[in-house]
Amino acid sequence: MADKEPVAERPGAAEEEEDASAAAVGEEEDTGAQVAPIVRLEEVAVTTGEEDEDVLLDMKAKLYRFDKDGNQWKERGTGAVKLLKHKETGKVRLVMRQAKTLKICANHLVVSTTKMQEHAGSDKSCVWHAADFADGELKEEMFAIRFGSVENCKKFKDLVEEIAESLAKDECKDNEDGSSTAGLLEKLTVSESKSEQGVKAEPTESGKDAETKSEATPSE
């Protein structure tokens, strides 16, 4: 009994079957039917609280906060630090959010007493004190920030110092104007009091007539 000859498969038969199957699946999928989504998501307007402010500076940096209890620096977050100027009040605040979570890690005003100091041992970092509101309550904090380059650190430091100096000049001017106004008011008060005293010292016409009549009438 002769052995059966092996049946040779036609080259490319398996590929042709796969292509046919894929074509059939494609025809089934491309039915033109539209499936409505189970949940419809609507666009929601997200407010950041920065809509009424102009951006003076926006840079990437890493922020640290000094832990007084542990007497050490602790990383606060990495993200974009911004200096924002309010369009109406003109006040400038420093805001920094973490890159991924957008959680606020610094939020305080730049005031006339804000002073930037270079961090010891690093020309890419600087240190300052501030009354910060990032945690929902006003707290005195000491921050350190590190930038990717010396140029960015210098730009940030110089701009903050420029804003602080401008505020200090405005405060001095207001104090001088207030002192001048107070001096004028004091002079006016003194002049008015002197005028009142002069009026009281001069006898009235009716008083003079009375004196004249008393002198002219003989005593009994």
C-alpha atoms as a PDB file:
ATOM      1  CA  MET A   1       0.000   0.000   0.000  1.00  0.00           C
ATOM      2  CA  ALA A   2       1.551   3.197  -1.148  1.00  0.00           C
ATOM      3  CA  ASP A   3       2.012   6.040   1.294  1.00  0.00           C
ATOM      4  CA  LYS A   4      -0.154   9.066   0.701  1.00  0.00           C
ATOM      5  CA  GLU A   5       1.656  11.968  -0.694  1.00  0.00           C
ATOM      6  CA  PRO A   6       1.691  14.982   1.615  1.00  0.00           C
ATOM      7  CA  VAL A   7      -0.733  17.650   0.589  1.00  0.00           C
ATOM      8  CA  ALA A   8       1.148  20.836  -0.106  1.00  0.00           C
ATOM      9  CA  GLU A   9      -0.558  23.968   1.107  1.00  0.00           C
ATOM     10  CA  ARG A  10      -0.945  26.706  -1.422  1.00  0.00           C
ATOM     11  CA  PRO A  11       1.433  29.559  -0.660  1.00  0.00           C
ATOM     12  CA  GLY A  12      -0.375  32.516   0.821  1.00  0.00           C
ATOM     13  CA  ALA A  13      -3.510  30.604   1.634  1.00  0.00           C
ATOM     14  CA  ALA A  14      -3.380  31.505   5.323  1.00  0.00           C
ATOM     15  CA  GLU A  15      -2.801  35.159   4.499  1.00  0.00           C
ATOM     16  CA  GLU A  16      -5.729  35.186   2.085  1.00  0.00           C
ATOM     17  CA  GLU A  17      -8.015  33.717   4.738  1.00  0.00           C
ATOM     18  CA  GLU A  18      -6.893  36.380   7.268  1.00  0.00           C
ATOM     19  CA  ASP A  19      -7.461  39.133   4.720  1.00  0.00           C
ATOM     20  CA  ALA A  20     -10.911  37.786   3.954  1.00  0.00           C
ATOM     21  CA  SER A  21     -11.746  37.635   7.653  1.00  0.00           C
ATOM     22  CA  ALA A  22     -10.486  41.170   8.180  1.00  0.00           C
ATOM     23  CA  ALA A  23     -12.500  42.392   5.216  1.00  0.00           C
ATOM     24  CA  ALA A  24     -15.595  40.718   6.581  1.00  0.00           C
ATOM     25  CA  VAL A  25     -15.046  42.309  10.000  1.00  0.00           C
ATOM     26  CA  GLY A  26     -14.445  45.663   8.362  1.00  0.00           C
ATOM     27  CA  GLU A  27     -17.684  45.375   6.421  1.00  0.00           C
ATOM     28  CA  GLU A  28     -19.520  44.524   9.618  1.00  0.00           C
ATOM     29  CA  GLU A  29     -17.998  47.485  11.493  1.00  0.00           C
ATOM     30  CA  ASP A  30     -18.602  50.001   8.727  1.00  0.00           C
ATOM     31  CA  THR A  31     -22.371  49.900   9.031  1.00  0.00           C
ATOM     32  CA  GLY A  32     -22.812  53.647   9.194  1.00  0.00           C
ATOM     33  CA  ALA A  33     -24.781  53.341  12.429  1.00  0.00           C
ATOM     34  CA  GLN A  34     -24.149  56.021  15.052  1.00  0.00           C
ATOM     35  CA  VAL A  35     -24.033  54.929  18.669  1.00  0.00           C
ATOM     36  CA  ALA A  36     -25.058  57.609  21.119  1.00  0.00           C
ATOM     37  CA  PRO A  37     -22.713  58.042  24.103  1.00  0.00           C
ATOM     38  CA  ILE A  38     -24.007  56.804  27.416  1.00  0.00           C
ATOM     39  CA  VAL A  39     -22.836  59.924  29.264  1.00  0.00           C
ATOM     40  CA  ARG A  40     -22.721  63.348  27.621  1.00  0.00           C
ATOM     41  CA  LEU A  41     -19.923  65.550  28.944  1.00  0.00           C
ATOM     42  CA  GLU A  42     -20.414  69.281  28.687  1.00  0.00           C
ATOM     43  CA  GLU A  43     -17.648  71.860  28.626  1.00  0.00           C
ATOM     44  CA  VAL A  44     -17.176  73.559  31.979  1.00  0.00           C
ATOM     45  CA  ALA A  45     -15.559  76.968  32.284  1.00  0.00           C
ATOM     46  CA  VAL A  46     -12.641  76.741  34.697  1.00  0.00           C
ATOM     47  CA  THR A  47     -11.762  79.878  36.643  1.00  0.00           C
ATOM     48  CA  THR A  48      -8.267  80.250  38.045  1.00  0.00           C
ATOM     49  CA  GLY A  49      -8.711  83.582  39.797  1.00  0.00           C
ATOM     50  CA  GLU A  50      -6.171  85.115  37.428  1.00  0.00           C
ATOM     51  CA  GLU A  51      -8.640  86.491  34.882  1.00  0.00           C
ATOM     52  CA  ASP A  52      -8.334  90.094  36.143  1.00  0.00           C
ATOM     53  CA  GLU A  53      -4.541  90.055  36.261  1.00  0.00           C
ATOM     54  CA  ASP A  54      -1.762  90.639  33.747  1.00  0.00           C
ATOM     55  CA  VAL A  55       1.196  88.258  33.674  1.00  0.00           C
ATOM     56  CA  LEU A  56       4.476  90.060  34.325  1.00  0.00           C
ATOM     57  CA  LEU A  57       6.582  86.907  34.564  1.00  0.00           C
ATOM     58  CA  ASP A  58       6.052  83.176  33.977  1.00  0.00           C
ATOM     59  CA  MET A  59       8.940  80.721  34.508  1.00  0.00           C
ATOM     60  CA  LYS A  60       9.541  77.138  35.489  1.00  0.00           C
ATOM     61  CA  ALA A  61      11.196  76.628  38.867  1.00  0.00           C
ATOM     62  CA  LYS A  62      11.373  74.469  41.970  1.00  0.00           C
ATOM     63  CA  LEU A  63      10.133  75.879  45.274  1.00  0.00           C
ATOM     64  CA  TYR A  64      11.263  75.035  48.804  1.00  0.00           C
ATOM     65  CA  ARG A  65       9.836  76.006  52.196  1.00  0.00           C
ATOM     66  CA  PHE A  66      11.864  76.177  55.383  1.00  0.00           C
ATOM     67  CA  ASP A  67      10.508  73.881  58.085  1.00  0.00           C
ATOM     68  CA  LYS A  68      11.141  75.587  61.428  1.00  0.00           C
ATOM     69  CA  ASP A  69      10.320  72.493  63.483  1.00  0.00           C
ATOM     70  CA  GLY A  70      12.683  70.259  61.550  1.00  0.00           C
ATOM     71  CA  ASN A  71      15.161  73.081  60.883  1.00  0.00           C
ATOM     72  CA  GLN A  72      15.515  72.069  57.232  1.00  0.00           C
ATOM     73  CA  TRP A  73      14.373  72.932  53.728  1.00  0.00           C
ATOM     74  CA  LYS A  74      11.509  70.891  52.297  1.00  0.00           C
ATOM     75  CA  GLU A  75      10.485  70.728  48.662  1.00  0.00           C
ATOM     76  CA  ARG A  76       7.199  72.514  48.085  1.00  0.00           C
ATOM     77  CA  GLY A  77       6.682  71.744  44.402  1.00  0.00           C
ATOM     78  CA  THR A  78       7.914  72.096  40.829  1.00  0.00           C
ATOM     79  CA  GLY A  79       5.974  74.162  38.331  1.00  0.00           C
ATOM     80  CA  ALA A  80       5.468  77.658  36.919  1.00  0.00           C
ATOM     81  CA  VAL A  81       6.037  80.694  39.136  1.00  0.00           C
ATOM     82  CA  LYS A  82       4.131  83.807  38.053  1.00  0.00           C
ATOM     83  CA  LEU A  83       4.093  87.480  38.961  1.00  0.00           C
ATOM     84  CA  LEU A  84       0.569  88.801  38.343  1.00  0.00           C
ATOM     85  CA  LYS A  85      -0.517  92.459  38.391  1.00  0.00           C
ATOM     86  CA  HIS A  86      -4.165  93.264  39.062  1.00  0.00           C
ATOM     87  CA  LYS A  87      -5.711  95.395  36.329  1.00  0.00           C
ATOM     88  CA  GLU A  88      -7.645  97.657  38.739  1.00  0.00           C
ATOM     89  CA  THR A  89      -5.740  97.794  42.037  1.00  0.00           C
ATOM     90  CA  GLY A  90      -2.253  97.497  40.549  1.00  0.00           C
ATOM     91  CA  LYS A  91      -1.217  95.051  43.275  1.00  0.00           C
ATOM     92  CA  VAL A  92       1.298  92.369  42.317  1.00  0.00           C
ATOM     93  CA  ARG A  93       1.221  88.867  43.741  1.00  0.00           C
ATOM     94  CA  LEU A  94       3.451  85.840  43.405  1.00  0.00           C
ATOM     95  CA  VAL A  95       1.642  82.609  42.520  1.00  0.00           C
ATOM     96  CA  MET A  96       3.137  79.182  41.924  1.00  0.00           C
ATOM     97  CA  ARG A  97       1.308  75.968  41.065  1.00  0.00           C
ATOM     98  CA  GLN A  98       2.571  72.406  40.898  1.00  0.00           C
ATOM     99  CA  ALA A  99       3.024  71.247  37.297  1.00  0.00           C
ATOM    100  CA  LYS A 100       0.713  68.198  37.247  1.00  0.00           C
ATOM    101  CA  THR A 101      -1.794  68.743  40.043  1.00  0.00           C
ATOM    102  CA  LEU A 102      -1.968  72.574  39.671  1.00  0.00           C
ATOM    103  CA  LYS A 103      -2.077  72.753  43.450  1.00  0.00           C
ATOM    104  CA  ILE A 104      -1.053  76.173  44.746  1.00  0.00           C
ATOM    105  CA  CYS A 105       2.256  76.028  46.602  1.00  0.00           C
ATOM    106  CA  ALA A 106       2.827  79.791  46.946  1.00  0.00           C
ATOM    107  CA  ASN A 107       0.386  82.710  46.925  1.00  0.00           C
ATOM    108  CA  HIS A 108       1.288  86.089  48.417  1.00  0.00           C
ATOM    109  CA  LEU A 109       1.567  89.779  47.582  1.00  0.00           C
ATOM    110  CA  VAL A 110       4.824  91.459  46.688  1.00  0.00           C
ATOM    111  CA  VAL A 111       5.062  94.338  49.184  1.00  0.00           C
ATOM    112  CA  SER A 112       7.499  97.173  49.786  1.00  0.00           C
ATOM    113  CA  THR A 113       9.353  95.140  52.429  1.00  0.00           C
ATOM    114  CA  THR A 114       9.890  92.094  50.173  1.00  0.00           C
ATOM    115  CA  LYS A 115      13.627  91.490  49.844  1.00  0.00           C
ATOM    116  CA  MET A 116      15.261  88.833  47.689  1.00  0.00           C
ATOM    117  CA  GLN A 117      18.577  87.364  48.825  1.00  0.00           C
ATOM    118  CA  GLU A 118      20.889  85.017  46.993  1.00  0.00           C
ATOM    119  CA  HIS A 119      20.904  81.511  48.400  1.00  0.00           C
ATOM    120  CA  ALA A 120      24.253  80.534  49.860  1.00  0.00           C
ATOM    121  CA  GLY A 121      26.169  78.259  47.531  1.00  0.00           C
ATOM    122  CA  SER A 122      23.866  78.588  44.504  1.00  0.00           C
ATOM    123  CA  ASP A 123      23.633  81.450  42.017  1.00  0.00           C
ATOM    124  CA  LYS A 124      20.493  79.876  40.540  1.00  0.00           C
ATOM    125  CA  SER A 125      18.507  80.255  43.783  1.00  0.00           C
ATOM    126  CA  CYS A 126      17.224  83.055  45.976  1.00  0.00           C
ATOM    127  CA  VAL A 127      15.482  83.303  49.353  1.00  0.00           C
ATOM    128  CA  TRP A 128      12.785  85.605  50.760  1.00  0.00           C
ATOM    129  CA  HIS A 129      10.184  85.962  53.538  1.00  0.00           C
ATOM    130  CA  ALA A 130       6.463  86.428  52.910  1.00  0.00           C
ATOM    131  CA  ALA A 131       3.027  86.301  54.526  1.00  0.00           C
ATOM    132  CA  ASP A 132       1.723  83.437  52.394  1.00  0.00           C
ATOM    133  CA  PHE A 133      -1.875  82.284  51.840  1.00  0.00           C
ATOM    134  CA  ALA A 134      -1.277  79.055  49.894  1.00  0.00           C
ATOM    135  CA  ASP A 135      -2.723  76.823  52.636  1.00  0.00           C
ATOM    136  CA  GLY A 136      -5.871  78.908  53.120  1.00  0.00           C
ATOM    137  CA  GLU A 137      -4.564  80.886  56.079  1.00  0.00           C
ATOM    138  CA  LEU A 138      -2.031  83.696  56.346  1.00  0.00           C
ATOM    139  CA  LYS A 139       1.313  82.367  57.588  1.00  0.00           C
ATOM    140  CA  GLU A 140       4.808  83.794  57.759  1.00  0.00           C
ATOM    141  CA  GLU A 141       6.989  81.613  55.558  1.00  0.00           C
ATOM    142  CA  MET A 142      10.542  81.570  54.299  1.00  0.00           C
ATOM    143  CA  PHE A 143      10.845  80.386  50.702  1.00  0.00           C
ATOM    144  CA  ALA A 144      13.719  79.400  48.447  1.00  0.00           C
ATOM    145  CA  ILE A 145      13.329  79.028  44.699  1.00  0.00           C
ATOM    146  CA  ARG A 146      15.697  77.459  42.187  1.00  0.00           C
ATOM    147  CA  PHE A 147      15.694  78.102  38.447  1.00  0.00           C
ATOM    148  CA  GLY A 148      17.250  76.234  35.577  1.00  0.00           C
ATOM    149  CA  SER A 149      19.694  79.039  34.770  1.00  0.00           C
ATOM    150  CA  VAL A 150      21.440  81.974  36.398  1.00  0.00           C
ATOM    151  CA  GLU A 151      19.777  84.342  33.918  1.00  0.00           C
ATOM    152  CA  ASN A 152      16.250  83.287  34.930  1.00  0.00           C
ATOM    153  CA  CYS A 153      17.073  83.618  38.605  1.00  0.00           C
ATOM    154  CA  LYS A 154      18.468  87.123  38.083  1.00  0.00           C
ATOM    155  CA  LYS A 155      15.438  88.164  36.005  1.00  0.00           C
ATOM    156  CA  PHE A 156      13.058  86.965  38.719  1.00  0.00           C
ATOM    157  CA  LYS A 157      15.047  88.590  41.534  1.00  0.00           C
ATOM    158  CA  ASP A 158      15.466  91.923  39.739  1.00  0.00           C
ATOM    159  CA  LEU A 159      11.767  92.174  38.835  1.00  0.00           C
ATOM    160  CA  VAL A 160      10.590  91.459  42.391  1.00  0.00           C
ATOM    161  CA  GLU A 161      13.025  94.020  43.798  1.00  0.00           C
ATOM    162  CA  GLU A 162      11.924  96.593  41.206  1.00  0.00           C
ATOM    163  CA  ILE A 163       8.276  96.138  42.209  1.00  0.00           C
ATOM    164  CA  ALA A 164       9.124  96.382  45.925  1.00  0.00           C
ATOM    165  CA  GLU A 165      11.156  99.567  45.410  1.00  0.00           C
ATOM    166  CA  SER A 166       8.352 101.147  43.387  1.00  0.00           C
ATOM    167  CA  LEU A 167       5.874 100.390  46.192  1.00  0.00           C
ATOM    168  CA  ALA A 168       8.254 101.848  48.790  1.00  0.00           C
ATOM    169  CA  LYS A 169       8.537 105.099  46.792  1.00  0.00           C
ATOM    170  CA  ASP A 170       4.756 105.349  46.488  1.00  0.00           C
ATOM    171  CA  GLU A 171       4.386 104.854  50.243  1.00  0.00           C
ATOM    172  CA  CYS A 172       6.954 107.575  50.966  1.00  0.00           C
ATOM    173  CA  LYS A 173       5.153 109.943  48.620  1.00  0.00           C
ATOM    174  CA  ASP A 174       1.820 109.208  50.292  1.00  0.00           C
ATOM    175  CA  ASN A 175       3.363 109.845  53.708  1.00  0.00           C
ATOM    176  CA  GLU A 176       4.826 113.155  52.532  1.00  0.00           C
ATOM    177  CA  ASP A 177       1.500 114.221  51.055  1.00  0.00           C
ATOM    178  CA  GLY A 178      -0.227 113.217  54.282  1.00  0.00           C
ATOM    179  CA  SER A 179       2.244 115.226  56.364  1.00  0.00           C
ATOM    180  CA  SER A 180       1.791 118.279  54.136  1.00  0.00           C
ATOM    181  CA  THR A 181      -1.985 118.027  54.394  1.00  0.00           C
ATOM    182  CA  ALA A 182      -1.787 117.682  58.170  1.00  0.00           C
ATOM    183  CA  GLY A 183       0.469 120.749  58.362  1.00  0.00           C
ATOM    184  CA  LEU A 184      -1.947 122.815  56.291  1.00  0.00           C
ATOM    185  CA  LEU A 185      -4.868 121.749  58.445  1.00  0.00           C
ATOM    186  CA  GLU A 186      -2.945 122.656  61.577  1.00  0.00           C
ATOM    187  CA  LYS A 187      -2.136 126.110  60.192  1.00  0.00           C
ATOM    188  CA  LEU A 188      -5.756 126.669  59.209  1.00  0.00           C
ATOM    189  CA  THR A 189      -6.918 125.657  62.688  1.00  0.00           C
ATOM    190  CA  VAL A 190      -4.474 128.053  64.355  1.00  0.00           C
ATOM    191  CA  SER A 191      -5.514 130.907  62.032  1.00  0.00           C
ATOM    192  CA  GLU A 192      -9.199 130.286  62.704  1.00  0.00           C
ATOM    193  CA  SER A 193      -8.658 130.257  66.473  1.00  0.00           C
ATOM    194  CA  LYS A 194      -6.749 133.552  66.308  1.00  0.00           C
ATOM    195  CA  SER A 195      -9.496 135.124  64.225  1.00  0.00           C
ATOM    196  CA  GLU A 196     -12.124 134.049  66.736  1.00  0.00           C
ATOM    197  CA  GLN A 197     -10.092 135.524  69.592  1.00  0.00           C
ATOM    198  CA  GLY A 198      -9.788 138.858  67.689  1.00  0.00           C
ATOM    199  CA  VAL A 199     -13.522 139.010  67.140  1.00  0.00           C
ATOM    200  CA  LYS A 200     -14.224 138.411  70.833  1.00  0.00           C
ATOM    201  CA  ALA A 201     -11.754 141.119  71.890  1.00  0.00           C
ATOM    202  CA  GLU A 202     -13.401 143.929  69.829  1.00  0.00           C
ATOM    203  CA  PRO A 203     -16.489 145.538  71.432  1.00  0.00           C
ATOM    204  CA  THR A 204     -19.676 145.434  69.439  1.00  0.00           C
ATOM    205  CA  GLU A 205     -21.518 148.518  68.194  1.00  0.00           C
ATOM    206  CA  SER A 206     -24.414 147.793  70.537  1.00  0.00           C
ATOM    207  CA  GLY A 207     -21.986 147.622  73.423  1.00  0.00           C
ATOM    208  CA  LYS A 208     -20.529 151.039  72.549  1.00  0.00           C
ATOM    209  CA  ASP A 209     -24.022 152.568  72.362  1.00  0.00           C
ATOM    210  CA  ALA A 210     -24.885 151.156  75.749  1.00  0.00           C
ATOM    211  CA  GLU A 211     -21.738 152.612  77.294  1.00  0.00           C
ATOM    212  CA  THR A 212     -22.474 156.036  75.749  1.00  0.00           C
ATOM    213  CA  LYS A 213     -26.053 156.058  77.080  1.00  0.00           C
ATOM    214  CA  SER A 214     -24.983 155.081  80.575  1.00  0.00           C
ATOM    215  CA  GLU A 215     -22.503 157.935  80.672  1.00  0.00           C
ATOM    216  CA  ALA A 216     -25.059 160.464  79.392  1.00  0.00           C
ATOM    217  CA  THR A 217     -27.778 159.525  81.936  1.00  0.00           C
ATOM    218  CA  PRO A 218     -27.305 161.323  85.311  1.00  0.00           C
ATOM    219  CA  SER A 219     -27.466 159.215  88.366  1.00  0.00           C
ATOM    220  CA  GLU A 220     -30.253 159.950  90.784  1.00  0.00           C
END
